[in-house]
């Protein structure tokens, strides 16, 4: 495969993961406004974020299975078309129930993206570049968050949340066009396939591996989303920042998050996946008190920048790490399933955190900091006991 084709594949995969995060964080920024328009409270409205996290696992299994059996290109293209349809439904939703229905459907689409995109990209690039491309792919997530922050600051007060979803739908159509023109080739998983086996059959004898992967991703999903989902709400309601100040902080920490993904992926190629993950996760503990207690705007921005840089250093390694753990014949399904089940098991976190803050007298900063500390300790404990996926010298195969 030519270098130009490899760039095309990486760009198409990056675009899909960016769009998923873009949509998800449009909801995070506009949560209070959506709640007001549908005459409901903020705790109820957090289901707009929890539902997609809960349904993503079903998308990971179904879309991953289709990609492993029938090819990456057509599945990725169809998945992005479904994304556009979900955006249209959310944008036009006449009631809260319809809005939540399309958020749940969006979760199916979002769940299918990560596993297929990362396996497609990892299989199409040279082994020596997998760490860097891993970070690049994962940086699509903070890039989408960054775009949502910029859009929130630019048009929310005039176009509202429906206008933001309309912009998302238009950008997603561009990704559809990019995917329609993707090259077609036989992926490694299909070459290695000896027959069409179910996910359960391919996992025979490897359930311990699956259990470990599910546990560490659940802990990782918890501390990651605890630093992101309700953070804009905390800045608005607890620290009293304006819309534009929140947008400014979010832009700054998402630029740092993109840099963190690239840094984590590159370091993992040089020093190993596990070492890069554990070192970045440990550094988060040092930043956590400052992040939780920052009071003025400069301190808030600096601590948020440091936090998201380190969180995304961890996540920048995940595409390569999970694809190297996965059995070859079910690489899309395994990596997508493991990545998304973590979010399923932690999908009610935002709702619980909002409830503690609004009904039990906790501050947002306290409940988020406690969530990060507990889940991060579990994550580090699991990863410290794990082995390296492959030695540096052996990264010529996936």
Protein backbone atom coordinates (compact mmCIF):
# COMPACT_ATOMS: atom_id res chain seq x y z
CA UNK A 1 0.00 0.00 0.00
CA UNK A 2 1.35 3.43 -0.94
CA UNK A 3 2.07 6.17 1.56
CA UNK A 4 -0.72 8.28 0.06
CA UNK A 5 -3.25 5.51 0.67
CA UNK A 6 -2.04 5.11 4.25
CA UNK A 7 -2.51 8.84 4.86
CA UNK A 8 -6.02 8.60 3.36
CA UNK A 9 -6.98 5.76 5.71
CA UNK A 10 -5.59 7.49 8.80
CA UNK A 11 -7.37 10.74 7.86
CA UNK A 12 -10.71 8.95 7.37
CA UNK A 13 -10.38 7.15 10.70
CA UNK A 14 -9.23 10.31 12.50
CA UNK A 15 -12.21 12.19 11.06
CA UNK A 16 -14.73 9.69 12.39
CA UNK A 17 -13.38 9.67 15.93
CA UNK A 18 -13.18 13.48 15.86
CA UNK A 19 -16.84 13.69 14.86
CA UNK A 20 -17.90 11.34 17.63
CA UNK A 21 -16.20 13.47 20.28
CA UNK A 22 -17.44 16.68 18.61
CA UNK A 23 -21.04 15.54 18.95
CA UNK A 24 -20.62 14.16 22.47
CA UNK A 25 -19.15 17.38 23.82
CA UNK A 26 -21.64 19.60 22.05
CA UNK A 27 -24.08 17.92 24.43
CA UNK A 28 -21.75 18.50 27.41
CA UNK A 29 -21.42 22.23 26.70
CA UNK A 30 -25.11 22.78 25.96
CA UNK A 31 -26.49 20.53 28.72
CA UNK A 32 -28.04 23.27 30.85
CA UNK A 33 -29.57 24.98 27.80
CA UNK A 34 -31.07 21.73 26.49
CA UNK A 35 -32.51 21.03 29.96
CA UNK A 36 -34.09 24.48 30.01
CA UNK A 37 -35.63 24.08 26.54
CA UNK A 38 -37.16 20.72 27.46
CA UNK A 39 -38.27 21.97 30.91
CA UNK A 40 -36.32 19.41 32.90
CA UNK A 41 -33.56 19.49 35.51
CA UNK A 42 -29.85 19.00 34.99
CA UNK A 43 -29.75 15.59 36.69
CA UNK A 44 -32.37 14.21 34.29
CA UNK A 45 -30.62 15.83 31.34
CA UNK A 46 -27.36 14.01 32.10
CA UNK A 47 -29.02 10.91 30.60
CA UNK A 48 -28.26 12.56 27.26
CA UNK A 49 -24.61 11.76 28.06
CA UNK A 50 -25.11 8.51 29.97
CA UNK A 51 -27.28 6.82 27.33
CA UNK A 52 -24.68 7.02 24.51
CA UNK A 53 -22.04 5.65 26.89
CA UNK A 54 -24.36 2.74 27.75
CA UNK A 55 -25.31 1.81 24.17
CA UNK A 56 -21.82 2.09 22.72
CA UNK A 57 -21.04 -1.51 23.67
CA UNK A 58 -23.74 -2.83 21.32
CA UNK A 59 -22.32 -0.74 18.49
CA UNK A 60 -18.83 -2.06 19.22
CA UNK A 61 -19.98 -5.67 18.98
CA UNK A 62 -22.24 -5.35 15.93
CA UNK A 63 -20.18 -2.93 13.84
CA UNK A 64 -16.93 -4.65 14.84
CA UNK A 65 -18.29 -8.05 13.80
CA UNK A 66 -19.43 -6.65 10.44
CA UNK A 67 -16.01 -5.10 9.82
CA UNK A 68 -14.13 -8.29 10.76
CA UNK A 69 -16.30 -10.36 8.43
CA UNK A 70 -17.16 -8.06 5.52
CA UNK A 71 -14.40 -5.47 5.36
CA UNK A 72 -13.54 -2.18 7.01
CA UNK A 73 -14.31 0.35 4.25
CA UNK A 74 -17.99 -0.31 3.60
CA UNK A 75 -18.76 -0.65 7.31
CA UNK A 76 -17.01 2.60 8.20
CA UNK A 77 -18.83 4.43 5.41
CA UNK A 78 -22.22 3.08 6.44
CA UNK A 79 -21.53 3.92 10.07
CA UNK A 80 -20.83 7.56 9.26
CA UNK A 81 -24.02 7.79 7.20
CA UNK A 82 -25.88 6.54 10.28
CA UNK A 83 -24.10 9.26 12.26
CA UNK A 84 -25.52 11.93 9.94
CA UNK A 85 -29.04 10.52 10.38
CA UNK A 86 -28.69 10.56 14.17
CA UNK A 87 -27.57 14.19 14.06
CA UNK A 88 -30.63 15.09 11.99
CA UNK A 89 -32.89 13.36 14.51
CA UNK A 90 -31.33 15.17 17.47
CA UNK A 91 -31.41 18.52 15.71
CA UNK A 92 -35.13 18.20 14.91
CA UNK A 93 -36.22 16.49 18.16
CA UNK A 94 -39.58 17.95 19.28
CA UNK A 95 -39.45 16.52 22.81
CA UNK A 96 -37.09 15.21 25.46
CA UNK A 97 -38.05 11.58 24.82
CA UNK A 98 -37.25 11.85 21.10
CA UNK A 99 -34.02 13.66 21.89
CA UNK A 100 -32.93 10.89 24.28
CA UNK A 101 -33.91 8.20 21.76
CA UNK A 102 -31.56 9.65 19.16
CA UNK A 103 -28.84 10.05 21.79
CA UNK A 104 -29.13 6.34 22.52
CA UNK A 105 -28.95 5.55 18.79
CA UNK A 106 -25.94 7.83 18.50
CA UNK A 107 -24.25 5.64 21.09
CA UNK A 108 -24.54 2.64 18.75
CA UNK A 109 -22.80 4.60 16.00
CA UNK A 110 -20.14 5.99 18.32
CA UNK A 111 -19.47 2.54 19.72
CA UNK A 112 -18.76 1.15 16.27
CA UNK A 113 -16.20 3.78 15.33
CA UNK A 114 -13.25 3.25 17.64
CA UNK A 115 -12.54 -0.45 17.19
CA UNK A 116 -12.91 -0.46 13.41
CA UNK A 117 -11.00 2.79 12.90
CA UNK A 118 -8.05 1.77 15.05
CA UNK A 119 -7.75 -1.75 13.62
CA UNK A 120 -8.04 -0.44 10.04
CA UNK A 121 -5.31 2.13 10.65
CA UNK A 122 -2.99 -0.18 12.64
CA UNK A 123 -3.19 -2.83 9.90
CA UNK A 124 -2.39 -0.37 7.12
CA UNK A 125 0.73 1.38 8.40
CA UNK A 126 4.35 0.26 8.98
CA UNK A 127 5.05 -1.20 12.45
CA UNK A 128 7.59 1.49 13.30
CA UNK A 129 4.93 4.20 13.02
CA UNK A 130 2.18 2.51 15.01
CA UNK A 131 2.92 4.36 18.26
CA UNK A 132 2.81 7.77 16.59
CA UNK A 133 -0.31 6.92 14.56
CA UNK A 134 -1.93 5.53 17.72
CA UNK A 135 -1.49 8.93 19.35
CA UNK A 136 -2.66 10.71 16.22
CA UNK A 137 -5.86 8.64 16.01
CA UNK A 138 -6.68 9.11 19.67
CA UNK A 139 -6.05 12.84 19.35
CA UNK A 140 -9.21 12.92 17.28
CA UNK A 141 -11.10 12.78 20.58
CA UNK A 142 -9.67 16.00 22.08
CA UNK A 143 -9.71 17.54 18.60
CA UNK A 144 -13.47 16.95 18.51
CA UNK A 145 -13.76 18.36 22.02
CA UNK A 146 -11.75 21.38 20.87
CA UNK A 147 -14.04 21.96 17.89
CA UNK A 148 -17.08 21.73 20.18
CA UNK A 149 -15.53 24.31 22.52
CA UNK A 150 -14.80 26.71 19.65
CA UNK A 151 -18.30 26.27 18.23
CA UNK A 152 -19.82 26.79 21.69
CA UNK A 153 -17.98 30.06 22.09
CA UNK A 154 -18.79 31.28 18.59
CA UNK A 155 -22.43 30.41 17.93
CA UNK A 156 -24.17 29.00 21.02
CA UNK A 157 -25.60 32.30 22.22
CA UNK A 158 -27.06 33.04 18.76
CA UNK A 159 -27.79 29.65 17.14
CA UNK A 160 -28.41 27.58 20.28
CA UNK A 161 -27.77 23.88 20.68
CA UNK A 162 -29.77 22.93 17.58
CA UNK A 163 -27.50 25.10 15.46
CA UNK A 164 -24.46 23.35 16.92
CA UNK A 165 -25.83 19.92 16.00
CA UNK A 166 -26.61 21.21 12.50
CA UNK A 167 -22.95 22.18 12.02
CA UNK A 168 -21.92 18.72 13.26
CA UNK A 169 -24.18 17.08 10.68
CA UNK A 170 -22.61 19.10 7.86
CA UNK A 171 -19.04 18.23 8.88
CA UNK A 172 -19.99 14.54 9.18
CA UNK A 173 -21.12 14.58 5.54
CA UNK A 174 -17.57 15.59 4.59
CA UNK A 175 -16.24 12.53 6.44
CA UNK A 176 -18.71 10.34 4.51
CA UNK A 177 -17.24 11.61 1.25
CA UNK A 178 -13.71 10.94 2.52
CA UNK A 179 -14.64 7.35 3.36
CA UNK A 180 -16.40 6.61 0.08
CA UNK A 181 -13.06 7.12 -1.68
CA UNK A 182 -11.04 4.90 0.69
CA UNK A 183 -8.84 2.19 -0.90
CA UNK A 184 -10.01 -1.41 -0.58
CA UNK A 185 -7.56 -4.10 0.49
CA UNK A 186 -7.52 -7.35 2.45
CA UNK A 187 -6.82 -6.61 6.10
CA UNK A 188 -4.62 -8.72 8.32
CA UNK A 189 -7.56 -10.07 10.29
CA UNK A 190 -9.24 -11.42 7.17
CA UNK A 191 -6.01 -13.00 5.92
CA UNK A 192 -5.62 -14.75 9.28
CA UNK A 193 -9.21 -15.98 9.33
CA UNK A 194 -9.70 -19.72 8.90
CA UNK A 195 -13.47 -19.55 9.02
CA UNK A 196 -16.26 -17.39 10.34
CA UNK A 197 -16.19 -17.88 14.12
CA UNK A 198 -18.14 -16.01 16.75
CA UNK A 199 -16.53 -13.65 19.23
CA UNK A 200 -17.00 -16.28 21.96
CA UNK A 201 -15.33 -19.00 19.89
CA UNK A 202 -12.34 -16.79 19.09
CA UNK A 203 -11.95 -15.93 22.78
CA UNK A 204 -11.73 -19.58 23.89
CA UNK A 205 -8.83 -19.91 26.31
CA UNK A 206 -8.33 -16.13 26.52
CA UNK A 207 -11.03 -15.06 28.98
CA UNK A 208 -8.45 -13.89 31.53
CA UNK A 209 -7.06 -11.50 28.92
CA UNK A 210 -10.56 -10.19 28.22
CA UNK A 211 -11.33 -9.76 31.93
CA UNK A 212 -8.11 -7.81 32.52
CA UNK A 213 -8.76 -5.56 29.52
CA UNK A 214 -12.35 -4.86 30.61
CA UNK A 215 -11.28 -3.96 34.16
CA UNK A 216 -8.51 -1.56 33.20
CA UNK A 217 -10.63 0.14 30.53
CA UNK A 218 -13.51 0.56 33.02
CA UNK A 219 -11.16 2.29 35.46
CA UNK A 220 -9.65 4.34 32.63
CA UNK A 221 -13.06 5.42 31.33
CA UNK A 222 -14.05 6.53 34.83
CA UNK A 223 -11.10 8.85 35.48
CA UNK A 224 -11.08 10.14 31.91
CA UNK A 225 -14.75 11.14 31.86
CA UNK A 226 -14.61 12.45 35.42
CA UNK A 227 -12.14 15.08 34.20
CA UNK A 228 -14.20 15.97 31.13
CA UNK A 229 -17.97 15.44 31.08
CA UNK A 230 -19.19 17.69 33.90
CA UNK A 231 -16.11 19.88 33.99
CA UNK A 232 -17.69 22.65 31.83
CA UNK A 233 -20.80 22.50 34.05
CA UNK A 234 -18.59 22.87 37.15
CA UNK A 235 -16.85 25.88 35.62
CA UNK A 236 -20.19 27.55 34.94
CA UNK A 237 -22.15 26.69 38.08
CA UNK A 238 -19.47 26.46 40.78
CA UNK A 239 -16.70 28.77 39.63
CA UNK A 240 -18.98 31.28 37.91
CA UNK A 241 -17.14 31.49 34.60
CA UNK A 242 -18.88 33.03 31.60
CA UNK A 243 -19.68 31.10 28.40
CA UNK A 244 -16.68 32.64 26.68
CA UNK A 245 -14.35 31.93 29.63
CA UNK A 246 -15.45 28.27 29.70
CA UNK A 247 -14.88 28.05 25.96
CA UNK A 248 -11.40 29.61 26.35
CA UNK A 249 -10.41 27.12 29.07
CA UNK A 250 -11.76 24.22 27.00
CA UNK A 251 -9.86 25.33 23.91
CA UNK A 252 -6.62 25.52 25.93
CA UNK A 253 -6.94 22.12 27.59
CA UNK A 254 -7.97 20.39 24.38
CA UNK A 255 -4.94 21.74 22.52
CA UNK A 256 -2.92 20.26 25.38
CA UNK A 257 -4.88 17.01 25.07
CA UNK A 258 -4.02 16.69 21.38
CA UNK A 259 -0.36 17.20 22.27
CA UNK A 260 -0.72 14.62 25.04
CA UNK A 261 -2.06 11.98 22.64
CA UNK A 262 0.81 12.51 20.23
CA UNK A 263 3.37 12.52 23.05
CA UNK A 264 2.00 9.36 24.69
CA UNK A 265 1.85 7.46 21.41
CA UNK A 266 5.39 8.47 20.42
CA UNK A 267 6.84 7.62 23.84
CA UNK A 268 5.15 4.21 23.79
CA UNK A 269 6.92 3.40 20.52
CA UNK A 270 10.27 4.21 22.13
CA UNK A 271 9.85 2.95 25.69
CA UNK A 272 6.98 0.46 25.51
CA UNK A 273 3.20 0.71 25.80
CA UNK A 274 2.81 -0.24 29.46
CA UNK A 275 5.59 2.01 30.74
CA UNK A 276 4.22 5.05 28.90
CA UNK A 277 0.70 4.41 30.24
CA UNK A 278 1.75 3.88 33.88
CA UNK A 279 4.10 6.88 34.02
CA UNK A 280 1.47 9.26 32.63
CA UNK A 281 -1.20 7.86 34.96
CA UNK A 282 1.03 8.33 38.01
CA UNK A 283 1.72 11.94 37.01
CA UNK A 284 -2.04 12.65 37.09
CA UNK A 285 -1.99 12.15 40.87
CA UNK A 286 0.48 15.02 41.24
CA UNK A 287 -1.77 17.38 39.28
CA UNK A 288 -5.10 16.30 40.81
CA UNK A 289 -5.09 18.52 43.96
CA UNK A 290 -4.30 21.65 41.94
CA UNK A 291 -6.95 20.75 39.35
CA UNK A 292 -9.61 20.27 42.04
CA UNK A 293 -8.79 23.36 44.11
CA UNK A 294 -8.00 25.95 41.41
CA UNK A 295 -10.06 29.07 42.11
CA UNK A 296 -9.24 31.84 39.63
CA UNK A 297 -9.17 31.68 35.85
CA UNK A 298 -5.35 31.41 35.34
CA UNK A 299 -5.04 28.59 37.91
CA UNK A 300 -8.07 26.81 36.43
CA UNK A 301 -6.65 27.00 32.93
CA UNK A 302 -3.13 25.86 33.88
CA UNK A 303 -4.35 22.91 35.95
CA UNK A 304 -6.86 21.87 33.27
CA UNK A 305 -4.15 22.03 30.60
CA UNK A 306 -1.84 19.82 32.68
CA UNK A 307 -4.62 17.38 33.54
CA UNK A 308 -5.82 16.83 29.98
CA UNK A 309 -2.30 16.56 28.62
CA UNK A 310 -1.61 13.68 31.02
CA UNK A 311 -4.99 11.98 30.62
CA UNK A 312 -4.53 11.94 26.87
CA UNK A 313 -0.93 10.74 27.20
CA UNK A 314 -2.52 7.62 28.67
CA UNK A 315 -5.18 7.37 25.99
CA UNK A 316 -2.80 8.10 23.12
CA UNK A 317 -1.33 4.63 23.65
CA UNK A 318 -4.67 2.78 23.72
CA UNK A 319 -5.22 2.19 19.97
CA UNK A 320 -1.85 0.43 19.63
CA UNK A 321 -2.05 -1.29 23.01
CA UNK A 322 -5.50 -2.82 22.55
CA UNK A 323 -4.90 -3.83 18.94
CA UNK A 324 -1.70 -5.59 19.98
CA UNK A 325 -3.58 -7.41 22.75
CA UNK A 326 -6.40 -8.50 20.43
CA UNK A 327 -6.66 -11.90 18.67
CA UNK A 328 -6.03 -11.15 14.97
CA UNK A 329 -9.27 -12.66 13.63
CA UNK A 330 -11.47 -10.42 15.80
CA UNK A 331 -9.26 -7.36 16.15
CA UNK A 332 -12.00 -4.81 15.41
CA UNK A 333 -14.54 -6.56 17.64
CA UNK A 334 -12.17 -7.18 20.56
CA UNK A 335 -10.61 -3.72 20.68
CA UNK A 336 -13.96 -1.98 20.19
CA UNK A 337 -15.71 -4.19 22.75
CA UNK A 338 -13.04 -3.69 25.42
CA UNK A 339 -12.84 0.06 24.81
CA UNK A 340 -16.60 0.54 24.93
CA UNK A 341 -17.52 -1.82 27.76
CA UNK A 342 -15.51 0.40 30.04
CA UNK A 343 -17.88 3.22 29.19
CA UNK A 344 -20.93 0.96 29.62
CA UNK A 345 -19.86 0.03 33.15
CA UNK A 346 -19.30 3.69 34.01
CA UNK A 347 -22.16 5.18 31.97
CA UNK A 348 -24.16 6.38 34.98
CA UNK A 349 -21.21 8.27 36.49
CA UNK A 350 -22.25 11.70 35.24
CA UNK A 351 -25.79 11.22 36.55
CA UNK A 352 -24.55 10.05 39.97
CA UNK A 353 -22.02 12.89 40.16
CA UNK A 354 -24.66 15.49 39.25
CA UNK A 355 -27.03 14.01 41.84
CA UNK A 356 -24.39 14.19 44.59
CA UNK A 357 -23.64 17.79 43.67
CA UNK A 358 -27.26 18.96 43.43
CA UNK A 359 -28.95 16.88 46.16
CA UNK A 360 -26.33 15.74 48.68
CA UNK A 361 -24.35 18.93 49.21
CA UNK A 362 -21.11 17.84 47.51
CA UNK A 363 -19.26 20.39 45.43
CA UNK A 364 -18.65 19.43 41.81
CA UNK A 365 -14.89 19.76 42.33
CA UNK A 366 -14.97 17.36 45.31
CA UNK A 367 -17.07 14.67 43.68
CA UNK A 368 -15.02 14.77 40.47
CA UNK A 369 -11.70 14.67 42.35
CA UNK A 370 -12.76 11.69 44.48
CA UNK A 371 -13.95 9.82 41.37
CA UNK A 372 -10.64 10.46 39.60
CA UNK A 373 -8.52 9.43 42.60
CA UNK A 374 -10.27 6.10 43.22
CA UNK A 375 -10.50 5.01 39.60
CA UNK A 376 -6.94 6.12 38.84
CA UNK A 377 -5.56 4.07 41.74
CA UNK A 378 -7.35 0.97 40.43
CA UNK A 379 -6.14 1.64 36.88
CA UNK A 380 -2.48 2.01 37.89
CA UNK A 381 -2.65 -1.13 40.06
CA UNK A 382 -3.96 -3.18 37.12
CA UNK A 383 -1.56 -1.79 34.53
CA UNK A 384 1.47 -2.15 36.83
CA UNK A 385 0.77 -5.88 37.06
CA UNK A 386 0.29 -6.36 33.32
CA UNK A 387 2.87 -7.37 30.75
CA UNK A 388 4.05 -5.45 27.69
CA UNK A 389 2.02 -6.24 24.57
CA UNK A 390 5.14 -6.77 22.46
CA UNK A 391 8.79 -5.94 22.98
CA UNK A 392 10.07 -2.90 21.11
CA UNK A 393 12.24 -5.02 18.85
CA UNK A 394 9.27 -7.17 17.88
CA UNK A 395 6.90 -4.43 16.75
CA UNK A 396 7.29 -5.51 13.14
CA UNK A 397 4.04 -7.48 13.45
CA UNK A 398 0.76 -6.64 15.12
